[in-house]
Each structure stands twice: as C-alpha cells, then as structure tokens.
Protein backbone atom coordinates (compact mmCIF):
# COMPACT_ATOMS: atom_id res chain seq x y z
CA MET A 1 139.91 113.57 93.25
CA LYS A 2 140.50 113.75 97.01
CA SER A 3 140.58 110.12 98.14
CA ILE A 4 139.55 106.56 97.38
CA THR A 5 138.26 104.20 100.07
CA LEU A 6 138.17 100.48 99.27
CA SER A 7 135.86 98.16 101.18
CA ARG A 8 135.09 94.45 101.01
CA THR A 9 131.82 92.83 102.02
CA VAL A 10 131.56 89.46 103.75
CA THR A 11 130.40 88.00 100.43
CA GLY A 12 133.66 89.00 98.74
CA HIS A 13 132.43 92.01 96.78
CA TYR A 14 134.75 95.01 96.57
CA TYR A 15 133.59 98.62 96.43
CA ALA A 16 135.49 101.87 95.87
CA SER A 17 134.15 105.10 97.38
CA ILE A 18 135.69 108.06 95.52
CA LEU A 19 135.67 111.54 97.08
CA THR A 20 135.95 114.32 94.51
CA ASP A 21 135.70 118.10 94.46
CA ASP A 22 133.67 119.24 91.45
CA GLY A 23 134.28 122.92 92.18
CA ALA A 24 130.56 123.70 92.34
CA ASN A 25 129.19 125.79 95.18
CA ALA A 26 126.69 124.29 97.60
CA PRO A 27 123.10 125.13 96.60
CA THR A 28 121.51 128.09 98.33
CA PRO A 29 118.74 126.92 100.69
CA VAL A 30 115.24 127.70 99.48
CA GLN A 31 113.85 130.73 101.36
CA THR A 32 110.24 130.73 100.15
CA LEU A 33 108.53 127.43 100.83
CA ASN A 34 105.28 126.52 99.12
CA ARG A 35 105.44 122.74 99.46
CA VAL A 36 105.98 121.45 102.99
CA VAL A 37 105.07 117.90 103.99
CA GLY A 38 104.97 116.20 107.37
CA ILE A 39 105.80 112.50 107.66
CA ASP A 40 104.74 110.08 110.37
CA MET A 41 106.69 106.80 110.51
CA GLY A 42 104.86 103.54 111.17
CA LEU A 43 105.06 99.76 110.87
CA THR A 44 101.98 98.89 108.81
CA HIS A 45 102.75 101.88 106.60
CA LEU A 46 106.38 102.97 106.54
CA ALA A 47 105.63 106.62 105.81
CA ILE A 48 102.36 108.53 106.13
CA THR A 49 102.35 112.06 104.75
CA SER A 50 100.24 115.02 105.83
CA ASN A 51 98.73 114.90 102.33
CA GLY A 52 97.12 111.57 103.21
CA VAL A 53 99.49 109.38 101.15
CA LYS A 54 100.41 106.10 102.86
CA THR A 55 103.45 104.11 101.70
CA PRO A 56 103.10 100.44 102.71
CA ASN A 57 105.94 98.89 104.68
CA PRO A 58 107.59 96.28 102.38
CA ARG A 59 108.67 94.19 105.42
CA PHE A 60 111.76 92.84 103.67
CA LEU A 61 112.84 90.76 106.66
CA LYS A 62 109.47 89.01 106.93
CA ARG A 63 109.46 88.22 103.21
CA ALA A 64 112.98 86.76 103.40
CA ALA A 65 112.45 84.96 106.74
CA ASP A 66 111.82 81.48 105.31
CA ASN A 67 114.85 81.64 103.03
CA LEU A 68 117.08 82.93 105.86
CA ARG A 69 115.81 80.29 108.29
CA ARG A 70 116.47 77.48 105.83
CA LYS A 71 120.02 78.64 105.09
CA GLN A 72 120.83 79.27 108.76
CA LYS A 73 119.64 75.77 109.71
CA ALA A 74 121.83 74.31 106.98
CA LEU A 75 124.78 76.29 108.36
CA SER A 76 124.19 75.09 111.91
CA ARG A 77 124.28 71.45 110.75
CA CYS A 78 127.70 71.81 109.10
CA GLN A 79 130.85 70.76 110.91
CA LYS A 80 133.00 73.64 112.12
CA GLY A 81 136.05 74.23 109.99
CA SER A 82 134.73 72.25 107.03
CA ARG A 83 134.49 73.48 103.44
CA GLY A 84 130.76 72.83 103.53
CA ARG A 85 130.38 75.21 106.47
CA ALA A 86 132.32 77.92 104.62
CA LYS A 87 129.96 77.57 101.62
CA ALA A 88 126.89 77.59 103.86
CA ARG A 89 128.16 80.69 105.67
CA LEU A 90 128.60 82.44 102.32
CA LEU A 91 125.01 81.59 101.31
CA VAL A 92 123.69 83.09 104.55
CA ALA A 93 125.80 86.21 104.03
CA LYS A 94 124.51 86.61 100.47
CA ALA A 95 120.90 86.30 101.64
CA HIS A 96 121.45 89.05 104.23
CA GLU A 97 123.21 91.21 101.64
CA ARG A 98 120.28 90.90 99.21
CA LEU A 99 117.93 91.84 102.03
CA ALA A 100 119.96 94.93 102.95
CA ASN A 101 120.31 95.99 99.29
CA ALA A 102 116.56 95.65 98.67
CA ARG A 103 115.77 97.77 101.72
CA ALA A 104 118.33 100.44 100.76
CA ASP A 105 117.04 100.58 97.17
CA PHE A 106 113.47 101.07 98.35
CA GLN A 107 114.46 103.82 100.80
CA HIS A 108 116.59 105.62 98.21
CA LYS A 109 113.66 105.77 95.79
CA LEU A 110 111.18 106.86 98.48
CA SER A 111 113.47 109.55 99.91
CA ARG A 112 114.23 110.86 96.41
CA GLN A 113 110.51 111.12 95.64
CA LEU A 114 109.77 112.98 98.89
CA ILE A 115 112.62 115.45 98.39
CA ASP A 116 111.82 116.08 94.71
CA GLU A 117 108.12 116.72 95.37
CA ASN A 118 108.60 119.05 98.36
CA GLN A 119 110.74 122.00 99.43
CA ALA A 120 110.73 120.98 103.09
CA VAL A 121 110.16 117.64 104.80
CA VAL A 122 109.27 117.46 108.50
CA VAL A 123 109.92 114.30 110.51
CA GLU A 124 110.00 113.21 114.13
CA THR A 125 113.26 112.74 116.02
CA LEU A 126 112.74 109.09 116.88
CA LYS A 127 114.43 107.44 119.87
CA ILE A 128 115.12 104.17 118.09
CA GLN A 129 117.11 102.60 120.94
CA ASN A 130 114.20 103.09 123.34
CA LEU A 131 111.69 101.70 120.82
CA LEU A 132 113.82 98.58 120.33
CA LYS A 133 113.32 97.70 124.01
CA ASN A 134 109.81 96.54 123.10
CA ARG A 135 110.40 92.81 122.60
CA LYS A 136 107.22 92.31 120.57
CA LEU A 137 108.00 95.06 118.07
CA ALA A 138 111.82 95.23 118.12
CA LYS A 139 112.31 93.00 115.05
CA HIS A 140 109.70 94.89 113.03
CA ILE A 141 111.13 98.28 114.05
CA ALA A 142 114.63 97.19 113.06
CA ASP A 143 113.31 95.93 109.72
CA ALA A 144 111.55 99.26 109.04
CA SER A 145 114.90 101.06 109.55
CA TRP A 146 113.42 104.52 110.10
CA HIS A 147 116.79 105.99 111.06
CA SER A 148 118.27 104.96 107.71
CA LEU A 149 115.38 106.56 105.81
CA ILE A 150 115.80 109.84 107.71
CA ALA A 151 119.55 109.80 107.02
CA LYS A 152 118.85 109.49 103.28
CA LEU A 153 116.32 112.33 103.45
CA THR A 154 118.89 114.48 105.27
CA TYR A 155 121.70 114.35 102.73
CA LYS A 156 119.37 114.49 99.72
CA ALA A 157 117.80 117.67 101.13
CA GLN A 158 121.22 119.23 101.72
CA ARG A 159 122.36 118.46 98.17
CA THR A 160 119.34 120.20 96.65
CA GLY A 161 119.11 123.21 98.97
CA LYS A 162 115.90 121.98 100.57
CA HIS A 163 115.03 121.64 104.24
CA LEU A 164 114.66 118.64 106.54
CA VAL A 165 113.11 119.61 109.87
CA LYS A 166 113.26 117.32 112.90
CA ILE A 167 110.77 118.03 115.66
CA ASP A 168 110.99 117.21 119.36
CA PRO A 169 110.71 113.44 120.05
CA TRP A 170 108.38 114.13 122.98
CA PHE A 171 105.81 115.95 120.82
CA ALA A 172 102.52 114.02 121.15
CA SER A 173 101.64 113.99 117.47
CA SER A 174 99.23 111.03 117.68
CA LYS A 175 97.40 112.19 120.82
CA THR A 176 96.80 115.77 119.63
CA CYS A 177 93.83 116.78 117.48
CA SER A 178 95.07 118.41 114.29
CA CYS A 179 91.85 120.43 114.05
CA CYS A 180 91.70 122.14 117.44
CA GLY A 181 94.92 121.16 119.24
CA HIS A 182 93.20 119.25 122.06
CA LYS A 183 95.45 116.59 123.60
CA VAL A 184 94.14 113.36 125.09
CA GLU A 185 95.89 111.79 128.06
CA SER A 186 96.60 108.40 126.50
CA MET A 187 95.92 106.41 123.35
CA LEU A 188 96.50 102.70 122.84
CA LEU A 189 98.47 101.61 119.79
CA SER A 190 95.47 99.53 118.72
CA VAL A 191 93.34 102.68 118.31
CA ARG A 192 93.65 103.64 114.63
CA THR A 193 90.88 106.28 114.51
CA TRP A 194 89.51 108.43 117.29
CA ASP A 195 86.97 111.16 118.02
CA CYS A 196 88.03 114.51 119.45
CA PRO A 197 86.04 115.29 122.63
CA ALA A 198 86.77 119.02 122.31
CA CYS A 199 85.83 120.03 118.75
CA GLY A 200 83.66 117.03 117.89
CA THR A 201 85.69 115.90 114.88
CA THR A 202 85.04 112.18 114.31
CA ASP A 203 86.88 109.29 112.66
CA ILE A 204 90.28 110.99 112.71
CA ASP A 205 92.84 108.71 111.08
CA ARG A 206 95.54 108.33 113.71
CA ASP A 207 98.50 108.33 111.33
CA ILE A 208 97.36 111.13 109.02
CA ASN A 209 96.42 113.21 112.07
CA ALA A 210 99.95 112.69 113.44
CA ALA A 211 101.50 113.66 110.08
CA ILE A 212 99.46 116.88 109.97
CA ASN A 213 100.56 117.76 113.51
CA ILE A 214 104.19 117.05 112.58
CA ARG A 215 103.87 119.37 109.58
CA GLN A 216 102.35 122.14 111.69
CA GLN A 217 105.21 121.90 114.21
CA GLY A 218 107.67 122.01 111.34
CA LEU A 219 106.06 125.16 109.96
CA LEU A 220 106.53 126.84 113.34
CA LYS A 221 110.25 125.98 113.34
CA LEU A 222 110.72 127.15 109.76
CA ARG A 223 108.86 130.38 110.45
CA ALA A 224 111.07 130.98 113.53
CA GLU A 225 114.12 130.72 111.24
CA GLY A 226 112.78 133.59 109.14
CA LEU A 227 111.63 131.51 106.18
CA SER A 228 108.47 132.23 104.23
CA VAL A 229 106.09 129.31 104.73
CA PRO A 230 102.40 128.58 104.03
CA ALA A 231 99.90 129.91 106.56
CA ASN A 232 98.67 126.40 107.38
C-alpha cells in the first residue's frame, strides 16, 4: 500500500482512496486491431458509434430539475443561520450528489461496454469550454458531460492495453461524406440527414456519418503508429 487519501463530501460522506502496488506489469498494448469503433458525441444521443448504435442521452439534470427546483426554493425561503436552513442546504446537496452519482454510474457502464467490445475507440477532441459559450445549449452540454465520459474511456483503455485515439477537434466529421470524402461548406444543426452532391448518396444520417468519418481518421492515426488495422 502506497497511500490513503481521505475525502469528505458536502453531505457528510467519507471516502478513502487507497493507492496500492500489486506488482503486476502494465498490459502490453494490442498491436493487431480487428475491432475499431468511432464515436460521435451528441445531445439527443450521448454516443453514436460507427456501427450505427445510438445510446440515448439520459438527461439526468432534466429528470431531476423539478426536485432540485423545489428544494432550492425551500432553501431560499429559510432564514440565514437557522437550523432549518442547514437542513434545507443538506437536502439540496444530497439531490445534487444523487444526480452526479447516477451520471457517473451510467458513464462507467457505457465506457466499460465500449472498451470491452473493441480494441480501439476513436473520439473527437472536443473544445468543451467553447461549446459552453452557447447559452441555449450550455446546460444540456454540461449535463451530457462528454469530457467525463472520455476520461473514463481513457483510463479503462490503458488498464486493458487497448487504444483510445483522439482526432483533431477541427476535423469536419459531420460535413464530410463518409462515402466519397466530399465536404460541404456549412450544415445547420437542425439538418439530421443530408444528400451528398458529389457521389449522389442520399439520406445520410448525420451522426452515423460523423462516427464513420471519426473512425476512418482514427484508422489513419493508428496505421501511422505502425499498428495493424482493418483496411476500412
């Protein structure tokens, strides 16, 4: 055992994080990759894979909004310094803690599934701080917590000797045709399917198309590192 770190939450729960050395060597990274998946992050669907699997966004904050609003209003009505205010503050803190725990539990299960089913996972390098500047979507983006999901994918991949590939944030995955590579100048967020003017492919699902493009970019990076990857 190397160290123990004790922490206390605002709700009064104590946790001990124990760092140990089990003596085992780190797993050797997989060199021959047969299962590579690209993931596009979204709001309606939290994760869309290049295989066409869409994981709905649970929207934990939206589901807990009424309960949080009711408890926060009760807190605001309490007199400062009173015992009633201390109890109301604790109820608000517990509601937020349940929300955070539910989101973390969901992301742990999803990230574990993605890592177990694939040898390499390819994701975008999202500029979360820039996305949060959109006032209409900021709350929903924060609730989706894409950065937290990617962090869980990262350490789970490292522990199992698998690969997590992050592609350039400026790569136009949604505006590029996954069939021929043609790139359109602009695409509104409201456009969910589109037709490629170059190759004639019609009814391209925006999110799945983006996930396929992300996977293809990931394959290029993996191949550049000398790894054996699928042809397409």
